């Protein structure tokens, strides 16, 4: 599967939210040369490049003994497979406070991107 076909359930807008790097680099997990990659991971290794295939398959977490998500509402999701999908096969998002994945209805929420004042006003939200 090429990187254009890879989809992340909990981060469906991964190519739009500003967490991926573009440019030729070598995946720290599989050694493949890629042009689109995720540049970091919570682990002891110094990670500069992880291809989307290694993230989606769980190979990066397995090989590098790390994870991508800092925190989540894990007590609201009972299915351990959903925990694995989030923590082992979903790239995080950029936050000055660290990622904290929300959950609802016994599943983690999908991160679609940042919402600020302008976006809230566009949606008709009033303060």
PDB file of N, CA and C in Angstrom:
ATOM      1  N   UNK A   1       0.846  -1.179   0.000  1.00  0.00           N
ATOM      2  CA  UNK A   1       0.000   0.000   0.000  1.00  0.00           C
ATOM      3  C   UNK A   1       0.890   1.242   0.000  1.00  0.00           C
ATOM      4  N   UNK A   2       0.621   2.172  -0.910  1.00  0.00           N
ATOM      5  CA  UNK A   2       1.435   3.384  -0.900  1.00  0.00           C
ATOM      6  C   UNK A   2       0.871   4.373   0.123  1.00  0.00           C
ATOM      7  N   UNK A   3       1.676   5.370   0.477  1.00  0.00           N
ATOM      8  CA  UNK A   3       1.305   6.294   1.541  1.00  0.00           C
ATOM      9  C   UNK A   3       0.032   7.087   1.242  1.00  0.00           C
ATOM     10  N   UNK A   4      -0.299   7.284  -0.028  1.00  0.00           N
ATOM     11  CA  UNK A   4      -1.524   8.011  -0.382  1.00  0.00           C
ATOM     12  C   UNK A   4      -2.782   7.242   0.007  1.00  0.00           C
ATOM     13  N   UNK A   5      -2.673   5.936   0.145  1.00  0.00           N
ATOM     14  CA  UNK A   5      -3.824   5.098   0.469  1.00  0.00           C
ATOM     15  C   UNK A   5      -3.973   4.848   1.961  1.00  0.00           C
ATOM     16  N   UNK A   6      -3.015   5.285   2.754  1.00  0.00           N
ATOM     17  CA  UNK A   6      -3.057   5.037   4.192  1.00  0.00           C
ATOM     18  C   UNK A   6      -4.011   6.021   4.856  1.00  0.00           C
ATOM     19  N   UNK A   7      -4.892   5.472   5.683  1.00  0.00           N
ATOM     20  CA  UNK A   7      -5.899   6.256   6.398  1.00  0.00           C
ATOM     21  C   UNK A   7      -5.760   5.976   7.894  1.00  0.00           C
ATOM     22  N   UNK A   8      -5.858   7.006   8.693  1.00  0.00           N
ATOM     23  CA  UNK A   8      -5.816   6.853  10.145  1.00  0.00           C
ATOM     24  C   UNK A   8      -7.197   7.165  10.704  1.00  0.00           C
ATOM     25  N   UNK A   9      -7.823   6.187  11.313  1.00  0.00           N
ATOM     26  CA  UNK A   9      -9.185   6.322  11.834  1.00  0.00           C
ATOM     27  C   UNK A   9      -9.330   7.526  12.745  1.00  0.00           C
ATOM     28  N   UNK A  10      -8.396   7.722  13.647  1.00  0.00           N
ATOM     29  CA  UNK A  10      -8.518   8.785  14.631  1.00  0.00           C
ATOM     30  C   UNK A  10      -7.835  10.085  14.201  1.00  0.00           C
ATOM     31  N   UNK A  11      -7.237  10.100  13.035  1.00  0.00           N
ATOM     32  CA  UNK A  11      -6.650  11.311  12.474  1.00  0.00           C
ATOM     33  C   UNK A  11      -6.856  11.310  10.953  1.00  0.00           C
ATOM     34  N   UNK A  12      -8.125  11.410  10.532  1.00  0.00           N
ATOM     35  CA  UNK A  12      -8.425  11.301   9.101  1.00  0.00           C
ATOM     36  C   UNK A  12      -7.889  12.456   8.256  1.00  0.00           C
ATOM     37  N   UNK A  13      -7.579  13.578   8.859  1.00  0.00           N
ATOM     38  CA  UNK A  13      -7.058  14.739   8.131  1.00  0.00           C
ATOM     39  C   UNK A  13      -5.549  14.882   8.292  1.00  0.00           C
ATOM     40  N   UNK A  14      -4.857  13.790   8.484  1.00  0.00           N
ATOM     41  CA  UNK A  14      -3.419  13.818   8.787  1.00  0.00           C
ATOM     42  C   UNK A  14      -2.627  14.644   7.776  1.00  0.00           C
ATOM     43  N   UNK A  15      -3.018  14.638   6.548  1.00  0.00           N
ATOM     44  CA  UNK A  15      -2.274  15.378   5.515  1.00  0.00           C
ATOM     45  C   UNK A  15      -2.581  16.869   5.521  1.00  0.00           C
ATOM     46  N   UNK A  16      -3.562  17.298   6.308  1.00  0.00           N
ATOM     47  CA  UNK A  16      -3.971  18.707   6.338  1.00  0.00           C
ATOM     48  C   UNK A  16      -3.658  19.412   7.663  1.00  0.00           C
ATOM     49  N   UNK A  17      -3.297  18.691   8.715  1.00  0.00           N
ATOM     50  CA  UNK A  17      -3.188  19.315  10.043  1.00  0.00           C
ATOM     51  C   UNK A  17      -1.782  19.781  10.400  1.00  0.00           C
ATOM     52  N   UNK A  18      -0.847  19.662   9.485  1.00  0.00           N
ATOM     53  CA  UNK A  18       0.476  20.235   9.703  1.00  0.00           C
ATOM     54  C   UNK A  18       1.446  19.422  10.539  1.00  0.00           C
ATOM     55  N   UNK A  19       1.250  18.112  10.654  1.00  0.00           N
ATOM     56  CA  UNK A  19       2.167  17.293  11.440  1.00  0.00           C
ATOM     57  C   UNK A  19       3.149  16.494  10.591  1.00  0.00           C
ATOM     58  N   UNK A  20       2.886  16.405   9.300  1.00  0.00           N
ATOM     59  CA  UNK A  20       3.760  15.636   8.417  1.00  0.00           C
ATOM     60  C   UNK A  20       4.811  16.544   7.789  1.00  0.00           C
ATOM     61  N   UNK A  21       5.982  15.968   7.541  1.00  0.00           N
ATOM     62  CA  UNK A  21       7.078  16.676   6.883  1.00  0.00           C
ATOM     63  C   UNK A  21       7.173  16.182   5.446  1.00  0.00           C
ATOM     64  N   UNK A  22       7.554  17.076   4.559  1.00  0.00           N
ATOM     65  CA  UNK A  22       7.782  16.711   3.164  1.00  0.00           C
ATOM     66  C   UNK A  22       9.260  16.896   2.837  1.00  0.00           C
ATOM     67  N   UNK A  23       9.782  16.011   1.999  1.00  0.00           N
ATOM     68  CA  UNK A  23      11.186  16.038   1.615  1.00  0.00           C
ATOM     69  C   UNK A  23      11.751  14.638   1.749  1.00  0.00           C
ATOM     70  N   UNK A  24      12.770  14.361   1.012  1.00  0.00           N
ATOM     71  CA  UNK A  24      13.334  13.013   1.024  1.00  0.00           C
ATOM     72  C   UNK A  24      14.035  12.734   2.349  1.00  0.00           C
ATOM     73  N   UNK A  25      13.674  11.614   2.962  1.00  0.00           N
ATOM     74  CA  UNK A  25      14.276  11.185   4.217  1.00  0.00           C
ATOM     75  C   UNK A  25      14.155   9.665   4.314  1.00  0.00           C
ATOM     76  N   UNK A  26      14.893   9.078   5.246  1.00  0.00           N
ATOM     77  CA  UNK A  26      14.902   7.629   5.417  1.00  0.00           C
ATOM     78  C   UNK A  26      14.164   7.273   6.703  1.00  0.00           C
ATOM     79  N   UNK A  27      13.197   6.367   6.599  1.00  0.00           N
ATOM     80  CA  UNK A  27      12.400   5.946   7.753  1.00  0.00           C
ATOM     81  C   UNK A  27      13.293   5.286   8.792  1.00  0.00           C
ATOM     82  N   UNK A  28      13.199   5.751  10.035  1.00  0.00           N
ATOM     83  CA  UNK A  28      13.986   5.193  11.136  1.00  0.00           C
ATOM     84  C   UNK A  28      13.528   3.796  11.537  1.00  0.00           C
ATOM     85  N   UNK A  29      12.401   3.338  11.007  1.00  0.00           N
ATOM     86  CA  UNK A  29      11.902   2.004  11.323  1.00  0.00           C
ATOM     87  C   UNK A  29      12.262   0.993  10.238  1.00  0.00           C
ATOM     88  N   UNK A  30      11.875   1.263   8.992  1.00  0.00           N
ATOM     89  CA  UNK A  30      12.051   0.277   7.926  1.00  0.00           C
ATOM     90  C   UNK A  30      13.223   0.556   6.991  1.00  0.00           C
ATOM     91  N   UNK A  31      13.768   1.778   7.036  1.00  0.00           N
ATOM     92  CA  UNK A  31      14.901   2.122   6.180  1.00  0.00           C
ATOM     93  C   UNK A  31      14.528   2.550   4.774  1.00  0.00           C
ATOM     94  N   UNK A  32      13.229   2.624   4.485  1.00  0.00           N
ATOM     95  CA  UNK A  32      12.764   3.029   3.158  1.00  0.00           C
ATOM     96  C   UNK A  32      12.907   4.547   3.000  1.00  0.00           C
ATOM     97  N   UNK A  33      13.304   4.990   1.815  1.00  0.00           N
ATOM     98  CA  UNK A  33      13.366   6.408   1.514  1.00  0.00           C
ATOM     99  C   UNK A  33      11.960   6.888   1.166  1.00  0.00           C
ATOM    100  N   UNK A  34      11.517   7.949   1.840  1.00  0.00           N
ATOM    101  CA  UNK A  34      10.164   8.463   1.663  1.00  0.00           C
ATOM    102  C   UNK A  34      10.198   9.978   1.439  1.00  0.00           C
ATOM    103  N   UNK A  35       9.110  10.501   0.929  1.00  0.00           N
ATOM    104  CA  UNK A  35       9.031  11.944   0.712  1.00  0.00           C
ATOM    105  C   UNK A  35       7.991  12.615   1.609  1.00  0.00           C
ATOM    106  N   UNK A  36       7.178  11.826   2.321  1.00  0.00           N
ATOM    107  CA  UNK A  36       6.200  12.329   3.282  1.00  0.00           C
ATOM    108  C   UNK A  36       6.326  11.471   4.527  1.00  0.00           C
ATOM    109  N   UNK A  37       6.520  12.117   5.680  1.00  0.00           N
ATOM    110  CA  UNK A  37       6.777  11.339   6.893  1.00  0.00           C
ATOM    111  C   UNK A  37       6.387  12.101   8.147  1.00  0.00           C
ATOM    112  N   UNK A  38       6.306  11.359   9.240  1.00  0.00           N
ATOM    113  CA  UNK A  38       6.029  11.901  10.571  1.00  0.00           C
ATOM    114  C   UNK A  38       7.374  12.001  11.289  1.00  0.00           C
ATOM    115  N   UNK A  39       7.707  13.158  11.871  1.00  0.00           N
ATOM    116  CA  UNK A  39       9.074  13.390  12.334  1.00  0.00           C
ATOM    117  C   UNK A  39       9.399  13.039  13.787  1.00  0.00           C
ATOM    118  N   UNK A  40       8.498  12.445  14.536  1.00  0.00           N
ATOM    119  CA  UNK A  40       8.802  12.240  15.955  1.00  0.00           C
ATOM    120  C   UNK A  40       7.996  11.093  16.553  1.00  0.00           C
ATOM    121  N   UNK A  41       8.399  10.714  17.748  1.00  0.00           N
ATOM    122  CA  UNK A  41       7.705   9.656  18.480  1.00  0.00           C
ATOM    123  C   UNK A  41       8.149   9.742  19.930  1.00  0.00           C
ATOM    124  N   UNK A  42       7.279   9.396  20.863  1.00  0.00           N
ATOM    125  CA  UNK A  42       7.668   9.331  22.270  1.00  0.00           C
ATOM    126  C   UNK A  42       8.404   8.006  22.496  1.00  0.00           C
ATOM    127  N   UNK A  43       9.732   8.066  22.534  1.00  0.00           N
ATOM    128  CA  UNK A  43      10.550   6.877  22.784  1.00  0.00           C
ATOM    129  C   UNK A  43      11.965   7.322  23.150  1.00  0.00           C
ATOM    130  N   UNK A  44      12.817   6.377  23.476  1.00  0.00           N
ATOM    131  CA  UNK A  44      14.180   6.717  23.860  1.00  0.00           C
ATOM    132  C   UNK A  44      15.084   7.010  22.667  1.00  0.00           C
ATOM    133  N   UNK A  45      14.738   6.492  21.505  1.00  0.00           N
ATOM    134  CA  UNK A  45      15.521   6.723  20.296  1.00  0.00           C
ATOM    135  C   UNK A  45      15.320   8.158  19.805  1.00  0.00           C
ATOM    136  N   UNK A  46      16.289   8.673  19.081  1.00  0.00           N
ATOM    137  CA  UNK A  46      16.174   9.977  18.444  1.00  0.00           C
ATOM    138  C   UNK A  46      15.548   9.767  17.072  1.00  0.00           C
ATOM    139  N   UNK A  47      14.261  10.034  16.960  1.00  0.00           N
ATOM    140  CA  UNK A  47      13.506   9.773  15.736  1.00  0.00           C
ATOM    141  C   UNK A  47      13.404  11.042  14.902  1.00  0.00           C
ATOM    142  N   UNK A  48      13.684  10.914  13.606  1.00  0.00           N
ATOM    143  CA  UNK A  48      13.578  12.042  12.695  1.00  0.00           C
ATOM    144  C   UNK A  48      12.601  11.776  11.558  1.00  0.00           C
ATOM    145  N   UNK A  49      12.311  10.500  11.296  1.00  0.00           N
ATOM    146  CA  UNK A  49      11.464  10.160  10.151  1.00  0.00           C
ATOM    147  C   UNK A  49      10.814   8.803  10.369  1.00  0.00           C
ATOM    148  N   UNK A  50       9.483   8.785  10.303  1.00  0.00           N
ATOM    149  CA  UNK A  50       8.737   7.532  10.308  1.00  0.00           C
ATOM    150  C   UNK A  50       7.753   7.577   9.156  1.00  0.00           C
ATOM    151  N   UNK A  51       7.824   6.572   8.303  1.00  0.00           N
ATOM    152  CA  UNK A  51       6.904   6.536   7.172  1.00  0.00           C
ATOM    153  C   UNK A  51       5.503   6.183   7.675  1.00  0.00           C
ATOM    154  N   UNK A  52       4.506   6.578   6.902  1.00  0.00           N
ATOM    155  CA  UNK A  52       3.125   6.339   7.290  1.00  0.00           C
ATOM    156  C   UNK A  52       2.796   4.852   7.344  1.00  0.00           C
ATOM    157  N   UNK A  53       3.464   4.054   6.517  1.00  0.00           N
ATOM    158  CA  UNK A  53       3.242   2.604   6.525  1.00  0.00           C
ATOM    159  C   UNK A  53       3.658   1.983   7.852  1.00  0.00           C
ATOM    160  N   UNK A  54       4.816   2.384   8.359  1.00  0.00           N
ATOM    161  CA  UNK A  54       5.300   1.834   9.628  1.00  0.00           C
ATOM    162  C   UNK A  54       4.431   2.263  10.799  1.00  0.00           C
ATOM    163  N   UNK A  55       3.864   3.461  10.724  1.00  0.00           N
ATOM    164  CA  UNK A  55       2.953   3.916  11.775  1.00  0.00           C
ATOM    165  C   UNK A  55       1.651   3.132  11.689  1.00  0.00           C
ATOM    166  N   UNK A  56       1.044   3.091  10.515  1.00  0.00           N
ATOM    167  CA  UNK A  56      -0.259   2.444  10.334  1.00  0.00           C
ATOM    168  C   UNK A  56      -0.238   0.954  10.669  1.00  0.00           C
ATOM    169  N   UNK A  57       0.872   0.298  10.405  1.00  0.00           N
ATOM    170  CA  UNK A  57       0.960  -1.140  10.676  1.00  0.00           C
ATOM    171  C   UNK A  57       1.289  -1.457  12.131  1.00  0.00           C
ATOM    172  N   UNK A  58       1.767  -0.460  12.871  1.00  0.00           N
ATOM    173  CA  UNK A  58       2.199  -0.689  14.247  1.00  0.00           C
ATOM    174  C   UNK A  58       3.664  -1.077  14.344  1.00  0.00           C
ATOM    175  N   UNK A  59       4.351  -1.196  13.196  1.00  0.00           N
ATOM    176  CA  UNK A  59       5.754  -1.611  13.183  1.00  0.00           C
ATOM    177  C   UNK A  59       6.656  -0.616  13.918  1.00  0.00           C
ATOM    178  N   UNK A  60       6.368   0.676  13.800  1.00  0.00           N
ATOM    179  CA  UNK A  60       7.208   1.687  14.452  1.00  0.00           C
ATOM    180  C   UNK A  60       7.161   1.540  15.968  1.00  0.00           C
ATOM    181  N   UNK A  61       5.972   1.364  16.518  1.00  0.00           N
ATOM    182  CA  UNK A  61       5.835   1.189  17.973  1.00  0.00           C
ATOM    183  C   UNK A  61       6.503  -0.106  18.422  1.00  0.00           C
ATOM    184  N   UNK A  62       6.290  -1.169  17.674  1.00  0.00           N
ATOM    185  CA  UNK A  62       6.871  -2.469  18.033  1.00  0.00           C
ATOM    186  C   UNK A  62       8.397  -2.424  18.010  1.00  0.00           C
ATOM    187  N   UNK A  63       8.971  -1.836  16.986  1.00  0.00           N
ATOM    188  CA  UNK A  63      10.424  -1.823  16.839  1.00  0.00           C
ATOM    189  C   UNK A  63      11.096  -0.830  17.778  1.00  0.00           C
ATOM    190  N   UNK A  64      10.485   0.340  17.960  1.00  0.00           N
ATOM    191  CA  UNK A  64      11.132   1.417  18.702  1.00  0.00           C
ATOM    192  C   UNK A  64      10.649   1.552  20.142  1.00  0.00           C
ATOM    193  N   UNK A  65       9.710   0.703  20.544  1.00  0.00           N
ATOM    194  CA  UNK A  65       9.193   0.670  21.918  1.00  0.00           C
ATOM    195  C   UNK A  65       8.769   2.060  22.387  1.00  0.00           C
ATOM    196  N   UNK A  66       7.878   2.673  21.618  1.00  0.00           N
ATOM    197  CA  UNK A  66       7.392   3.997  21.967  1.00  0.00           C
ATOM    198  C   UNK A  66       5.921   4.110  21.649  1.00  0.00           C
ATOM    199  N   UNK A  67       5.436   5.338  21.640  1.00  0.00           N
ATOM    200  CA  UNK A  67       4.070   5.593  21.207  1.00  0.00           C
ATOM    201  C   UNK A  67       3.969   7.008  20.668  1.00  0.00           C
ATOM    202  N   UNK A  68       2.793   7.347  20.175  1.00  0.00           N
ATOM    203  CA  UNK A  68       2.588   8.629  19.512  1.00  0.00           C
ATOM    204  C   UNK A  68       1.706   9.581  20.291  1.00  0.00           C
ATOM    205  N   UNK A  69       0.946   9.070  21.243  1.00  0.00           N
ATOM    206  CA  UNK A  69      -0.052   9.865  21.943  1.00  0.00           C
ATOM    207  C   UNK A  69       0.356  10.027  23.402  1.00  0.00           C
ATOM    208  N   UNK A  70       0.324  11.274  23.871  1.00  0.00           N
ATOM    209  CA  UNK A  70       0.730  11.558  25.244  1.00  0.00           C
ATOM    210  C   UNK A  70      -0.336  11.147  26.256  1.00  0.00           C
ATOM    211  N   UNK A  71      -1.600  11.394  25.948  1.00  0.00           N
ATOM    212  CA  UNK A  71      -2.658  11.063  26.883  1.00  0.00           C
ATOM    213  C   UNK A  71      -3.998  10.961  26.189  1.00  0.00           C
ATOM    214  N   UNK A  72      -4.947  10.311  26.847  1.00  0.00           N
ATOM    215  CA  UNK A  72      -6.283  10.140  26.283  1.00  0.00           C
ATOM    216  C   UNK A  72      -7.252   9.771  27.396  1.00  0.00           C
ATOM    217  N   UNK A  73      -8.522   9.908  27.092  1.00  0.00           N
ATOM    218  CA  UNK A  73      -9.577   9.512  28.027  1.00  0.00           C
ATOM    219  C   UNK A  73      -9.775   7.994  27.936  1.00  0.00           C
ATOM    220  N   UNK A  74      -8.758   7.258  28.376  1.00  0.00           N
ATOM    221  CA  UNK A  74      -8.780   5.806  28.211  1.00  0.00           C
ATOM    222  C   UNK A  74      -9.874   5.125  29.035  1.00  0.00           C
ATOM    223  N   UNK A  75     -10.280   5.729  30.133  1.00  0.00           N
ATOM    224  CA  UNK A  75     -11.317   5.126  30.955  1.00  0.00           C
ATOM    225  C   UNK A  75     -12.697   5.170  30.294  1.00  0.00           C
ATOM    226  N   UNK A  76     -12.848   5.936  29.228  1.00  0.00           N
ATOM    227  CA  UNK A  76     -14.125   6.024  28.516  1.00  0.00           C
ATOM    228  C   UNK A  76     -14.226   5.057  27.342  1.00  0.00           C
ATOM    229  N   UNK A  77     -13.150   4.300  27.096  1.00  0.00           N
ATOM    230  CA  UNK A  77     -13.130   3.357  25.966  1.00  0.00           C
ATOM    231  C   UNK A  77     -12.728   1.987  26.506  1.00  0.00           C
ATOM    232  N   UNK A  78     -13.640   1.029  26.423  1.00  0.00           N
ATOM    233  CA  UNK A  78     -13.397  -0.283  27.028  1.00  0.00           C
ATOM    234  C   UNK A  78     -12.676  -1.268  26.111  1.00  0.00           C
ATOM    235  N   UNK A  79     -12.715  -1.068  24.824  1.00  0.00           N
ATOM    236  CA  UNK A  79     -12.145  -2.016  23.872  1.00  0.00           C
ATOM    237  C   UNK A  79     -10.624  -1.831  23.760  1.00  0.00           C
ATOM    238  N   UNK A  80      -9.831  -2.842  24.150  1.00  0.00           N
ATOM    239  CA  UNK A  80      -8.374  -2.719  24.074  1.00  0.00           C
ATOM    240  C   UNK A  80      -7.843  -2.544  22.646  1.00  0.00           C
ATOM    241  N   UNK A  81      -8.575  -3.035  21.640  1.00  0.00           N
ATOM    242  CA  UNK A  81      -8.148  -2.849  20.248  1.00  0.00           C
ATOM    243  C   UNK A  81      -8.205  -1.367  19.860  1.00  0.00           C
ATOM    244  N   UNK A  82      -9.165  -0.639  20.377  1.00  0.00           N
ATOM    245  CA  UNK A  82      -9.259   0.795  20.113  1.00  0.00           C
ATOM    246  C   UNK A  82      -8.099   1.531  20.788  1.00  0.00           C
ATOM    247  N   UNK A  83      -7.693   1.078  21.959  1.00  0.00           N
ATOM    248  CA  UNK A  83      -6.518   1.650  22.637  1.00  0.00           C
ATOM    249  C   UNK A  83      -5.273   1.438  21.777  1.00  0.00           C
ATOM    250  N   UNK A  84      -5.116   0.220  21.246  1.00  0.00           N
ATOM    251  CA  UNK A  84      -3.962  -0.079  20.392  1.00  0.00           C
ATOM    252  C   UNK A  84      -3.982   0.772  19.124  1.00  0.00           C
ATOM    253  N   UNK A  85      -5.161   0.920  18.524  1.00  0.00           N
ATOM    254  CA  UNK A  85      -5.291   1.734  17.310  1.00  0.00           C
ATOM    255  C   UNK A  85      -4.841   3.171  17.575  1.00  0.00           C
ATOM    256  N   UNK A  86      -5.269   3.719  18.707  1.00  0.00           N
ATOM    257  CA  UNK A  86      -4.902   5.103  19.025  1.00  0.00           C
ATOM    258  C   UNK A  86      -3.435   5.233  19.406  1.00  0.00           C
ATOM    259  N   UNK A  87      -2.983   4.472  20.376  1.00  0.00           N
ATOM    260  CA  UNK A  87      -1.637   4.658  20.922  1.00  0.00           C
ATOM    261  C   UNK A  87      -0.524   4.066  20.058  1.00  0.00           C
ATOM    262  N   UNK A  88      -0.829   3.056  19.262  1.00  0.00           N
ATOM    263  CA  UNK A  88       0.219   2.378  18.502  1.00  0.00           C
ATOM    264  C   UNK A  88       0.172   2.621  16.997  1.00  0.00           C
ATOM    265  N   UNK A  89      -0.971   3.099  16.483  1.00  0.00           N
ATOM    266  CA  UNK A  89      -1.098   3.237  15.030  1.00  0.00           C
ATOM    267  C   UNK A  89      -1.726   4.563  14.599  1.00  0.00           C
ATOM    268  N   UNK A  90      -1.615   5.587  15.447  1.00  0.00           N
ATOM    269  CA  UNK A  90      -2.154   6.908  15.111  1.00  0.00           C
ATOM    270  C   UNK A  90      -1.126   7.975  15.446  1.00  0.00           C
ATOM    271  N   UNK A  91      -0.692   8.754  14.458  1.00  0.00           N
ATOM    272  CA  UNK A  91       0.231   9.857  14.752  1.00  0.00           C
ATOM    273  C   UNK A  91      -0.473  10.926  15.587  1.00  0.00           C
ATOM    274  N   UNK A  92       0.275  11.565  16.466  1.00  0.00           N
ATOM    275  CA  UNK A  92      -0.300  12.616  17.298  1.00  0.00           C
ATOM    276  C   UNK A  92      -0.484  13.915  16.538  1.00  0.00           C
ATOM    277  N   UNK A  93      -1.008  14.892  17.240  1.00  0.00           N
ATOM    278  CA  UNK A  93      -1.175  16.227  16.673  1.00  0.00           C
ATOM    279  C   UNK A  93      -0.324  17.205  17.481  1.00  0.00           C
ATOM    280  N   UNK A  94      -0.142  18.402  16.967  1.00  0.00           N
ATOM    281  CA  UNK A  94       0.697  19.399  17.628  1.00  0.00           C
ATOM    282  C   UNK A  94      -0.148  20.211  18.609  1.00  0.00           C
ATOM    283  N   UNK A  95       0.312  20.270  19.855  1.00  0.00           N
ATOM    284  CA  UNK A  95      -0.381  21.033  20.884  1.00  0.00           C
ATOM    285  C   UNK A  95       0.640  21.559  21.875  1.00  0.00           C
ATOM    286  N   UNK A  96       0.494  22.804  22.263  1.00  0.00           N
ATOM    287  CA  UNK A  96       1.447  23.367  23.221  1.00  0.00           C
ATOM    288  C   UNK A  96       1.290  22.735  24.599  1.00  0.00           C
ATOM    289  N   UNK A  97       0.197  22.055  24.858  1.00  0.00           N
ATOM    290  CA  UNK A  97       0.005  21.361  26.127  1.00  0.00           C
ATOM    291  C   UNK A  97       0.179  19.849  25.994  1.00  0.00           C
ATOM    292  N   UNK A  98       0.491  19.358  24.824  1.00  0.00           N
ATOM    293  CA  UNK A  98       0.576  17.913  24.589  1.00  0.00           C
ATOM    294  C   UNK A  98      -0.772  17.377  24.173  1.00  0.00           C
ATOM    295  N   UNK A  99      -0.758  16.314  23.375  1.00  0.00           N
ATOM    296  CA  UNK A  99      -2.019  15.736  22.918  1.00  0.00           C
ATOM    297  C   UNK A  99      -2.780  15.123  24.093  1.00  0.00           C
ATOM    298  N   UNK A 100      -4.063  15.292  24.067  1.00  0.00           N
ATOM    299  CA  UNK A 100      -4.945  14.605  25.002  1.00  0.00           C
ATOM    300  C   UNK A 100      -6.195  14.251  24.208  1.00  0.00           C
ATOM    301  N   UNK A 101      -6.279  12.979  23.821  1.00  0.00           N
ATOM    302  CA  UNK A 101      -7.335  12.522  22.935  1.00  0.00           C
ATOM    303  C   UNK A 101      -8.633  12.345  23.711  1.00  0.00           C
ATOM    304  N   UNK A 102      -9.693  12.966  23.229  1.00  0.00           N
ATOM    305  CA  UNK A 102     -11.001  12.850  23.856  1.00  0.00           C
ATOM    306  C   UNK A 102     -11.718  11.594  23.371  1.00  0.00           C
ATOM    307  N   UNK A 103     -12.728  11.181  24.137  1.00  0.00           N
ATOM    308  CA  UNK A 103     -13.507   9.995  23.798  1.00  0.00           C
ATOM    309  C   UNK A 103     -14.978  10.257  24.059  1.00  0.00           C
ATOM    310  N   UNK A 104     -15.811   9.517  23.345  1.00  0.00           N
ATOM    311  CA  UNK A 104     -17.257   9.602  23.517  1.00  0.00           C
ATOM    312  C   UNK A 104     -17.871   8.309  22.992  1.00  0.00           C
ATOM    313  N   UNK A 105     -18.908   7.851  23.632  1.00  0.00           N
ATOM    314  CA  UNK A 105     -19.667   6.690  23.153  1.00  0.00           C
ATOM    315  C   UNK A 105     -18.784   5.451  22.992  1.00  0.00           C
ATOM    316  N   UNK A 106     -17.898   5.225  23.944  1.00  0.00           N
ATOM    317  CA  UNK A 106     -17.014   4.057  23.968  1.00  0.00           C
ATOM    318  C   UNK A 106     -16.054   3.995  22.777  1.00  0.00           C
ATOM    319  N   UNK A 107     -15.641   5.159  22.281  1.00  0.00           N
ATOM    320  CA  UNK A 107     -14.641   5.211  21.220  1.00  0.00           C
ATOM    321  C   UNK A 107     -13.899   6.541  21.324  1.00  0.00           C
ATOM    322  N   UNK A 108     -12.685   6.562  20.810  1.00  0.00           N
ATOM    323  CA  UNK A 108     -11.936   7.804  20.781  1.00  0.00           C
ATOM    324  C   UNK A 108     -12.472   8.679  19.655  1.00  0.00           C
ATOM    325  N   UNK A 109     -12.398   9.976  19.857  1.00  0.00           N
ATOM    326  CA  UNK A 109     -12.851  10.925  18.834  1.00  0.00           C
ATOM    327  C   UNK A 109     -11.789  11.051  17.747  1.00  0.00           C
ATOM    328  N   UNK A 110     -12.211  11.403  16.569  1.00  0.00           N
ATOM    329  CA  UNK A 110     -11.281  11.682  15.478  1.00  0.00           C
ATOM    330  C   UNK A 110     -10.811  13.122  15.619  1.00  0.00           C
ATOM    331  N   UNK A 111      -9.508  13.334  15.485  1.00  0.00           N
ATOM    332  CA  UNK A 111      -8.961  14.685  15.511  1.00  0.00           C
ATOM    333  C   UNK A 111      -9.002  15.223  14.083  1.00  0.00           C
ATOM    334  N   UNK A 112      -9.768  16.290  13.883  1.00  0.00           N
ATOM    335  CA  UNK A 112      -9.952  16.846  12.547  1.00  0.00           C
ATOM    336  C   UNK A 112      -9.106  18.089  12.306  1.00  0.00           C
ATOM    337  N   UNK A 113      -8.629  18.709  13.367  1.00  0.00           N
ATOM    338  CA  UNK A 113      -7.819  19.919  13.247  1.00  0.00           C
ATOM    339  C   UNK A 113      -8.157  20.905  14.339  1.00  0.00           C
ATOM    340  N   UNK A 114      -7.420  22.011  14.344  1.00  0.00           N
ATOM    341  CA  UNK A 114      -7.627  23.053  15.341  1.00  0.00           C
ATOM    342  C   UNK A 114      -8.906  23.825  15.070  1.00  0.00           C
ATOM    343  N   UNK A 115      -9.523  24.290  16.145  1.00  0.00           N
ATOM    344  CA  UNK A 115     -10.677  25.161  16.050  1.00  0.00           C
ATOM    345  C   UNK A 115     -10.393  26.374  16.925  1.00  0.00           C
ATOM    346  N   UNK A 116     -10.380  27.528  16.301  1.00  0.00           N
ATOM    347  CA  UNK A 116     -10.169  28.782  17.017  1.00  0.00           C
ATOM    348  C   UNK A 116     -11.406  29.648  16.938  1.00  0.00           C
ATOM    349  N   UNK A 117     -11.269  30.889  17.340  1.00  0.00           N
ATOM    350  CA  UNK A 117     -12.391  31.822  17.351  1.00  0.00           C
ATOM    351  C   UNK A 117     -13.017  31.970  15.966  1.00  0.00           C
ATOM    352  N   UNK A 118     -12.191  32.141  14.937  1.00  0.00           N
ATOM    353  CA  UNK A 118     -12.715  32.321  13.577  1.00  0.00           C
ATOM    354  C   UNK A 118     -13.534  31.106  13.137  1.00  0.00           C
ATOM    355  N   UNK A 119     -13.027  29.911  13.415  1.00  0.00           N
ATOM    356  CA  UNK A 119     -13.741  28.692  13.014  1.00  0.00           C
ATOM    357  C   UNK A 119     -15.060  28.555  13.788  1.00  0.00           C
ATOM    358  N   UNK A 120     -15.037  28.890  15.056  1.00  0.00           N
ATOM    359  CA  UNK A 120     -16.264  28.830  15.859  1.00  0.00           C
ATOM    360  C   UNK A 120     -17.305  29.821  15.341  1.00  0.00           C
ATOM    361  N   UNK A 121     -16.850  31.024  14.979  1.00  0.00           N
ATOM    362  CA  UNK A 121     -17.774  32.011  14.431  1.00  0.00           C
ATOM    363  C   UNK A 121     -18.365  31.536  13.104  1.00  0.00           C
ATOM    364  N   UNK A 122     -17.551  30.885  12.269  1.00  0.00           N
ATOM    365  CA  UNK A 122     -18.032  30.339  10.999  1.00  0.00           C
ATOM    366  C   UNK A 122     -19.118  29.285  11.231  1.00  0.00           C
ATOM    367  N   UNK A 123     -19.008  28.559  12.333  1.00  0.00           N
ATOM    368  CA  UNK A 123     -19.983  27.529  12.659  1.00  0.00           C
ATOM    369  C   UNK A 123     -21.219  28.109  13.345  1.00  0.00           C
ATOM    370  N   UNK A 124     -21.201  29.408  13.610  1.00  0.00           N
ATOM    371  CA  UNK A 124     -22.345  30.036  14.257  1.00  0.00           C
ATOM    372  C   UNK A 124     -22.325  29.969  15.767  1.00  0.00           C
ATOM    373  N   UNK A 125     -21.197  29.590  16.347  1.00  0.00           N
ATOM    374  CA  UNK A 125     -21.092  29.528  17.813  1.00  0.00           C
ATOM    375  C   UNK A 125     -21.019  30.939  18.369  1.00  0.00           C
ATOM    376  N   UNK A 126     -21.726  31.199  19.401  1.00  0.00           N
ATOM    377  CA  UNK A 126     -21.763  32.519  20.048  1.00  0.00           C
ATOM    378  C   UNK A 126     -21.270  32.382  21.485  1.00  0.00           C
ATOM    379  N   UNK A 127     -20.513  33.339  21.924  1.00  0.00           N
ATOM    380  CA  UNK A 127     -19.972  33.306  23.291  1.00  0.00           C
ATOM    381  C   UNK A 127     -20.818  34.034  24.268  1.00  0.00           C
TER     382      UNK A 127
END
